[in-house]
Amino acid sequence: MITQSVGNRIRELRKLRCLSQEKLALKAGIDRTYLAGVESGKRNVTIASLEKIVEALDLSMKDFFDFEKMC
């Protein structure tokens, strides 16, 4: 399911950058509980929120969706 894949990708990239959920949420300007729900696949992320998260991870959308590539 896409929500689970996106959530897993966010978690994977966040951990590679040694960021807590709280730090990433703060950097992205979103609520930590929302980010936790997105990472667990329980919440559908909006395109606007995904863009904020991806920018906070210092990635392009293209690189984010390249599931074969580890950043």
PDB file of N, CA and C in Angstrom:
ATOM      1  N   MET A   1       0.841  -1.178   0.000  1.00  0.00           N
ATOM      2  CA  MET A   1       0.000   0.000   0.000  1.00  0.00           C
ATOM      3  C   MET A   1       0.885   1.240   0.000  1.00  0.00           C
ATOM      4  N   ILE A   2       0.492   2.235  -0.766  1.00  0.00           N
ATOM      5  CA  ILE A   2       1.333   3.420  -0.950  1.00  0.00           C
ATOM      6  C   ILE A   2       1.543   4.205   0.347  1.00  0.00           C
ATOM      7  N   THR A   3       0.522   4.280   1.206  1.00  0.00           N
ATOM      8  CA  THR A   3       0.701   5.033   2.456  1.00  0.00           C
ATOM      9  C   THR A   3       1.792   4.399   3.319  1.00  0.00           C
ATOM     10  N   GLN A   4       1.839   3.088   3.346  1.00  0.00           N
ATOM     11  CA  GLN A   4       2.868   2.389   4.123  1.00  0.00           C
ATOM     12  C   GLN A   4       4.246   2.572   3.487  1.00  0.00           C
ATOM     13  N   SER A   5       4.316   2.516   2.167  1.00  0.00           N
ATOM     14  CA  SER A   5       5.599   2.691   1.466  1.00  0.00           C
ATOM     15  C   SER A   5       6.157   4.091   1.676  1.00  0.00           C
ATOM     16  N   VAL A   6       5.304   5.091   1.574  1.00  0.00           N
ATOM     17  CA  VAL A   6       5.744   6.480   1.776  1.00  0.00           C
ATOM     18  C   VAL A   6       6.184   6.672   3.219  1.00  0.00           C
ATOM     19  N   GLY A   7       5.394   6.163   4.156  1.00  0.00           N
ATOM     20  CA  GLY A   7       5.753   6.279   5.572  1.00  0.00           C
ATOM     21  C   GLY A   7       7.073   5.611   5.896  1.00  0.00           C
ATOM     22  N   ASN A   8       7.270   4.428   5.354  1.00  0.00           N
ATOM     23  CA  ASN A   8       8.540   3.726   5.574  1.00  0.00           C
ATOM     24  C   ASN A   8       9.713   4.497   4.985  1.00  0.00           C
ATOM     25  N   ARG A   9       9.494   5.082   3.823  1.00  0.00           N
ATOM     26  CA  ARG A   9      10.561   5.855   3.166  1.00  0.00           C
ATOM     27  C   ARG A   9      10.936   7.072   4.005  1.00  0.00           C
ATOM     28  N   ILE A  10       9.932   7.767   4.533  1.00  0.00           N
ATOM     29  CA  ILE A  10      10.205   8.927   5.390  1.00  0.00           C
ATOM     30  C   ILE A  10      11.003   8.493   6.615  1.00  0.00           C
ATOM     31  N   ARG A  11      10.559   7.423   7.272  1.00  0.00           N
ATOM     32  CA  ARG A  11      11.240   6.935   8.473  1.00  0.00           C
ATOM     33  C   ARG A  11      12.688   6.551   8.169  1.00  0.00           C
ATOM     34  N   GLU A  12      12.874   5.828   7.078  1.00  0.00           N
ATOM     35  CA  GLU A  12      14.209   5.384   6.670  1.00  0.00           C
ATOM     36  C   GLU A  12      15.138   6.585   6.447  1.00  0.00           C
ATOM     37  N   LEU A  13      14.669   7.574   5.712  1.00  0.00           N
ATOM     38  CA  LEU A  13      15.496   8.743   5.414  1.00  0.00           C
ATOM     39  C   LEU A  13      15.720   9.608   6.654  1.00  0.00           C
ATOM     40  N   ARG A  14      14.714   9.697   7.507  1.00  0.00           N
ATOM     41  CA  ARG A  14      14.853  10.463   8.758  1.00  0.00           C
ATOM     42  C   ARG A  14      15.932   9.841   9.637  1.00  0.00           C
ATOM     43  N   LYS A  15      15.900   8.524   9.755  1.00  0.00           N
ATOM     44  CA  LYS A  15      16.886   7.841  10.588  1.00  0.00           C
ATOM     45  C   LYS A  15      18.293   7.934  10.007  1.00  0.00           C
ATOM     46  N   LEU A  16      18.406   7.885   8.674  1.00  0.00           N
ATOM     47  CA  LEU A  16      19.719   8.048   8.040  1.00  0.00           C
ATOM     48  C   LEU A  16      20.328   9.409   8.352  1.00  0.00           C
ATOM     49  N   ARG A  17      19.468  10.391   8.603  1.00  0.00           N
ATOM     50  CA  ARG A  17      19.928  11.741   8.918  1.00  0.00           C
ATOM     51  C   ARG A  17      19.999  11.993  10.422  1.00  0.00           C
ATOM     52  N   CYS A  18      19.804  10.934  11.198  1.00  0.00           N
ATOM     53  CA  CYS A  18      19.877  11.006  12.666  1.00  0.00           C
ATOM     54  C   CYS A  18      18.930  12.064  13.231  1.00  0.00           C
ATOM     55  N   LEU A  19      17.719  12.108  12.686  1.00  0.00           N
ATOM     56  CA  LEU A  19      16.713  13.052  13.156  1.00  0.00           C
ATOM     57  C   LEU A  19      15.627  12.301  13.914  1.00  0.00           C
ATOM     58  N   SER A  20      15.185  12.875  15.008  1.00  0.00           N
ATOM     59  CA  SER A  20      14.024  12.330  15.703  1.00  0.00           C
ATOM     60  C   SER A  20      12.769  12.791  14.961  1.00  0.00           C
ATOM     61  N   GLN A  21      11.649  12.163  15.264  1.00  0.00           N
ATOM     62  CA  GLN A  21      10.392  12.621  14.662  1.00  0.00           C
ATOM     63  C   GLN A  21      10.133  14.072  15.045  1.00  0.00           C
ATOM     64  N   GLU A  22      10.425  14.403  16.273  1.00  0.00           N
ATOM     65  CA  GLU A  22      10.192  15.770  16.752  1.00  0.00           C
ATOM     66  C   GLU A  22      11.037  16.779  15.972  1.00  0.00           C
ATOM     67  N   LYS A  23      12.315  16.462  15.764  1.00  0.00           N
ATOM     68  CA  LYS A  23      13.190  17.395  15.037  1.00  0.00           C
ATOM     69  C   LYS A  23      12.773  17.540  13.582  1.00  0.00           C
ATOM     70  N   LEU A  24      12.417  16.430  12.932  1.00  0.00           N
ATOM     71  CA  LEU A  24      11.990  16.512  11.543  1.00  0.00           C
ATOM     72  C   LEU A  24      10.675  17.282  11.432  1.00  0.00           C
ATOM     73  N   ALA A  25       9.747  17.015  12.323  1.00  0.00           N
ATOM     74  CA  ALA A  25       8.461  17.720  12.303  1.00  0.00           C
ATOM     75  C   ALA A  25       8.673  19.223  12.488  1.00  0.00           C
ATOM     76  N   LEU A  26       9.530  19.586  13.419  1.00  0.00           N
ATOM     77  CA  LEU A  26       9.821  20.997  13.654  1.00  0.00           C
ATOM     78  C   LEU A  26      10.446  21.636  12.418  1.00  0.00           C
ATOM     79  N   LYS A  27      11.397  20.959  11.828  1.00  0.00           N
ATOM     80  CA  LYS A  27      12.076  21.451  10.634  1.00  0.00           C
ATOM     81  C   LYS A  27      11.107  21.596   9.457  1.00  0.00           C
ATOM     82  N   ALA A  28      10.126  20.679   9.376  1.00  0.00           N
ATOM     83  CA  ALA A  28       9.154  20.699   8.285  1.00  0.00           C
ATOM     84  C   ALA A  28       7.962  21.605   8.578  1.00  0.00           C
ATOM     85  N   GLY A  29       7.807  22.019   9.821  1.00  0.00           N
ATOM     86  CA  GLY A  29       6.682  22.865  10.181  1.00  0.00           C
ATOM     87  C   GLY A  29       5.362  22.109  10.269  1.00  0.00           C
ATOM     88  N   ILE A  30       5.451  20.846  10.704  1.00  0.00           N
ATOM     89  CA  ILE A  30       4.244  20.041  10.871  1.00  0.00           C
ATOM     90  C   ILE A  30       4.217  19.469  12.291  1.00  0.00           C
ATOM     91  N   ASP A  31       3.069  18.951  12.690  1.00  0.00           N
ATOM     92  CA  ASP A  31       2.913  18.380  14.022  1.00  0.00           C
ATOM     93  C   ASP A  31       3.598  17.012  14.112  1.00  0.00           C
ATOM     94  N   ARG A  32       4.251  16.746  15.233  1.00  0.00           N
ATOM     95  CA  ARG A  32       4.957  15.482  15.417  1.00  0.00           C
ATOM     96  C   ARG A  32       4.007  14.289  15.377  1.00  0.00           C
ATOM     97  N   THR A  33       2.820  14.434  15.938  1.00  0.00           N
ATOM     98  CA  THR A  33       1.883  13.306  15.930  1.00  0.00           C
ATOM     99  C   THR A  33       1.386  13.013  14.516  1.00  0.00           C
ATOM    100  N   TYR A  34       1.272  14.050  13.695  1.00  0.00           N
ATOM    101  CA  TYR A  34       0.903  13.855  12.289  1.00  0.00           C
ATOM    102  C   TYR A  34       2.007  13.082  11.578  1.00  0.00           C
ATOM    103  N   LEU A  35       3.253  13.485  11.798  1.00  0.00           N
ATOM    104  CA  LEU A  35       4.393  12.793  11.190  1.00  0.00           C
ATOM    105  C   LEU A  35       4.438  11.334  11.639  1.00  0.00           C
ATOM    106  N   ALA A  36       4.189  11.079  12.909  1.00  0.00           N
ATOM    107  CA  ALA A  36       4.182   9.700  13.413  1.00  0.00           C
ATOM    108  C   ALA A  36       3.103   8.882  12.718  1.00  0.00           C
ATOM    109  N   GLY A  37       1.935   9.466  12.519  1.00  0.00           N
ATOM    110  CA  GLY A  37       0.857   8.779  11.823  1.00  0.00           C
ATOM    111  C   GLY A  37       1.194   8.493  10.368  1.00  0.00           C
ATOM    112  N   VAL A  38       1.868   9.433   9.720  1.00  0.00           N
ATOM    113  CA  VAL A  38       2.286   9.252   8.326  1.00  0.00           C
ATOM    114  C   VAL A  38       3.323   8.137   8.240  1.00  0.00           C
ATOM    115  N   GLU A  39       4.314   8.173   9.121  1.00  0.00           N
ATOM    116  CA  GLU A  39       5.364   7.149   9.111  1.00  0.00           C
ATOM    117  C   GLU A  39       4.805   5.751   9.352  1.00  0.00           C
ATOM    118  N   SER A  40       3.794   5.645  10.175  1.00  0.00           N
ATOM    119  CA  SER A  40       3.218   4.334  10.488  1.00  0.00           C
ATOM    120  C   SER A  40       2.208   3.874   9.443  1.00  0.00           C
ATOM    121  N   GLY A  41       1.893   4.751   8.482  1.00  0.00           N
ATOM    122  CA  GLY A  41       0.945   4.400   7.431  1.00  0.00           C
ATOM    123  C   GLY A  41      -0.503   4.548   7.845  1.00  0.00           C
ATOM    124  N   LYS A  42      -0.743   5.138   8.999  1.00  0.00           N
ATOM    125  CA  LYS A  42      -2.099   5.311   9.507  1.00  0.00           C
ATOM    126  C   LYS A  42      -2.759   6.595   9.017  1.00  0.00           C
ATOM    127  N   ARG A  43      -1.952   7.521   8.525  1.00  0.00           N
ATOM    128  CA  ARG A  43      -2.477   8.793   8.021  1.00  0.00           C
ATOM    129  C   ARG A  43      -2.040   8.976   6.580  1.00  0.00           C
ATOM    130  N   ASN A  44      -2.937   9.520   5.791  1.00  0.00           N
ATOM    131  CA  ASN A  44      -2.601   9.881   4.410  1.00  0.00           C
ATOM    132  C   ASN A  44      -1.913  11.238   4.439  1.00  0.00           C
ATOM    133  N   VAL A  45      -0.747  11.311   3.857  1.00  0.00           N
ATOM    134  CA  VAL A  45      -0.021  12.571   3.816  1.00  0.00           C
ATOM    135  C   VAL A  45      -0.530  13.393   2.632  1.00  0.00           C
ATOM    136  N   THR A  46      -0.707  14.691   2.857  1.00  0.00           N
ATOM    137  CA  THR A  46      -1.093  15.557   1.752  1.00  0.00           C
ATOM    138  C   THR A  46       0.147  15.870   0.918  1.00  0.00           C
ATOM    139  N   ILE A  47      -0.082  16.283  -0.301  1.00  0.00           N
ATOM    140  CA  ILE A  47       1.048  16.656  -1.164  1.00  0.00           C
ATOM    141  C   ILE A  47       1.812  17.822  -0.548  1.00  0.00           C
ATOM    142  N   ALA A  48       1.084  18.778   0.015  1.00  0.00           N
ATOM    143  CA  ALA A  48       1.732  19.938   0.635  1.00  0.00           C
ATOM    144  C   ALA A  48       2.603  19.518   1.814  1.00  0.00           C
ATOM    145  N   SER A  49       2.096  18.626   2.658  1.00  0.00           N
ATOM    146  CA  SER A  49       2.883  18.162   3.803  1.00  0.00           C
ATOM    147  C   SER A  49       4.060  17.311   3.356  1.00  0.00           C
ATOM    148  N   LEU A  50       3.851  16.485   2.355  1.00  0.00           N
ATOM    149  CA  LEU A  50       4.950  15.673   1.837  1.00  0.00           C
ATOM    150  C   LEU A  50       6.056  16.564   1.293  1.00  0.00           C
ATOM    151  N   GLU A  51       5.683  17.624   0.611  1.00  0.00           N
ATOM    152  CA  GLU A  51       6.683  18.564   0.091  1.00  0.00           C
ATOM    153  C   GLU A  51       7.489  19.173   1.234  1.00  0.00           C
ATOM    154  N   LYS A  52       6.835  19.543   2.322  1.00  0.00           N
ATOM    155  CA  LYS A  52       7.540  20.103   3.482  1.00  0.00           C
ATOM    156  C   LYS A  52       8.505  19.084   4.083  1.00  0.00           C
ATOM    157  N   ILE A  53       8.053  17.838   4.199  1.00  0.00           N
ATOM    158  CA  ILE A  53       8.886  16.781   4.772  1.00  0.00           C
ATOM    159  C   ILE A  53      10.094  16.515   3.882  1.00  0.00           C
ATOM    160  N   VAL A  54       9.858  16.411   2.594  1.00  0.00           N
ATOM    161  CA  VAL A  54      10.942  16.144   1.646  1.00  0.00           C
ATOM    162  C   VAL A  54      11.969  17.278   1.667  1.00  0.00           C
ATOM    163  N   GLU A  55      11.499  18.511   1.704  1.00  0.00           N
ATOM    164  CA  GLU A  55      12.425  19.649   1.780  1.00  0.00           C
ATOM    165  C   GLU A  55      13.205  19.628   3.090  1.00  0.00           C
ATOM    166  N   ALA A  56      12.542  19.267   4.188  1.00  0.00           N
ATOM    167  CA  ALA A  56      13.221  19.193   5.483  1.00  0.00           C
ATOM    168  C   ALA A  56      14.280  18.094   5.493  1.00  0.00           C
ATOM    169  N   LEU A  57      14.094  17.085   4.661  1.00  0.00           N
ATOM    170  CA  LEU A  57      15.089  16.015   4.517  1.00  0.00           C
ATOM    171  C   LEU A  57      16.170  16.378   3.498  1.00  0.00           C
ATOM    172  N   ASP A  58      16.095  17.589   2.953  1.00  0.00           N
ATOM    173  CA  ASP A  58      17.052  18.086   1.957  1.00  0.00           C
ATOM    174  C   ASP A  58      17.108  17.203   0.719  1.00  0.00           C
ATOM    175  N   LEU A  59      15.912  16.846   0.224  1.00  0.00           N
ATOM    176  CA  LEU A  59      15.791  16.021  -0.970  1.00  0.00           C
ATOM    177  C   LEU A  59      14.874  16.689  -1.986  1.00  0.00           C
ATOM    178  N   SER A  60      14.960  16.211  -3.207  1.00  0.00           N
ATOM    179  CA  SER A  60      13.973  16.569  -4.223  1.00  0.00           C
ATOM    180  C   SER A  60      12.890  15.491  -4.188  1.00  0.00           C
ATOM    181  N   MET A  61      11.731  15.803  -4.723  1.00  0.00           N
ATOM    182  CA  MET A  61      10.664  14.803  -4.809  1.00  0.00           C
ATOM    183  C   MET A  61      11.131  13.611  -5.634  1.00  0.00           C
ATOM    184  N   LYS A  62      11.883  13.894  -6.685  1.00  0.00           N
ATOM    185  CA  LYS A  62      12.393  12.819  -7.545  1.00  0.00           C
ATOM    186  C   LYS A  62      13.240  11.842  -6.737  1.00  0.00           C
ATOM    187  N   ASP A  63      14.165  12.368  -5.934  1.00  0.00           N
ATOM    188  CA  ASP A  63      15.019  11.500  -5.123  1.00  0.00           C
ATOM    189  C   ASP A  63      14.217  10.784  -4.043  1.00  0.00           C
ATOM    190  N   PHE A  64      13.226  11.463  -3.483  1.00  0.00           N
ATOM    191  CA  PHE A  64      12.402  10.825  -2.461  1.00  0.00           C
ATOM    192  C   PHE A  64      11.708   9.584  -3.010  1.00  0.00           C
ATOM    193  N   PHE A  65      11.163   9.697  -4.211  1.00  0.00           N
ATOM    194  CA  PHE A  65      10.411   8.590  -4.792  1.00  0.00           C
ATOM    195  C   PHE A  65      11.285   7.568  -5.519  1.00  0.00           C
ATOM    196  N   ASP A  66      12.585   7.751  -5.499  1.00  0.00           N
ATOM    197  CA  ASP A  66      13.496   6.758  -6.057  1.00  0.00           C
ATOM    198  C   ASP A  66      13.771   5.725  -4.963  1.00  0.00           C
ATOM    199  N   PHE A  67      12.854   4.785  -4.802  1.00  0.00           N
ATOM    200  CA  PHE A  67      12.924   3.812  -3.711  1.00  0.00           C
ATOM    201  C   PHE A  67      14.130   2.895  -3.812  1.00  0.00           C
ATOM    202  N   GLU A  68      14.744   2.833  -4.983  1.00  0.00           N
ATOM    203  CA  GLU A  68      15.929   1.998  -5.160  1.00  0.00           C
ATOM    204  C   GLU A  68      17.187   2.684  -4.641  1.00  0.00           C
ATOM    205  N   LYS A  69      17.134   3.992  -4.550  1.00  0.00           N
ATOM    206  CA  LYS A  69      18.306   4.783  -4.186  1.00  0.00           C
ATOM    207  C   LYS A  69      18.289   5.110  -2.707  1.00  0.00           C
ATOM    208  N   MET A  70      19.396   4.864  -2.045  1.00  0.00           N
ATOM    209  CA  MET A  70      19.546   5.275  -0.661  1.00  0.00           C
ATOM    210  C   MET A  70      20.279   6.607  -0.661  1.00  0.00           C
ATOM    211  N   CYS A  71      19.769   7.548   0.057  1.00  0.00           N
ATOM    212  CA  CYS A  71      20.386   8.889   0.098  1.00  0.00           C
ATOM    213  C   CYS A  71      21.285   9.032   1.306  1.00  0.00           C
TER     214      CYS A  71
END
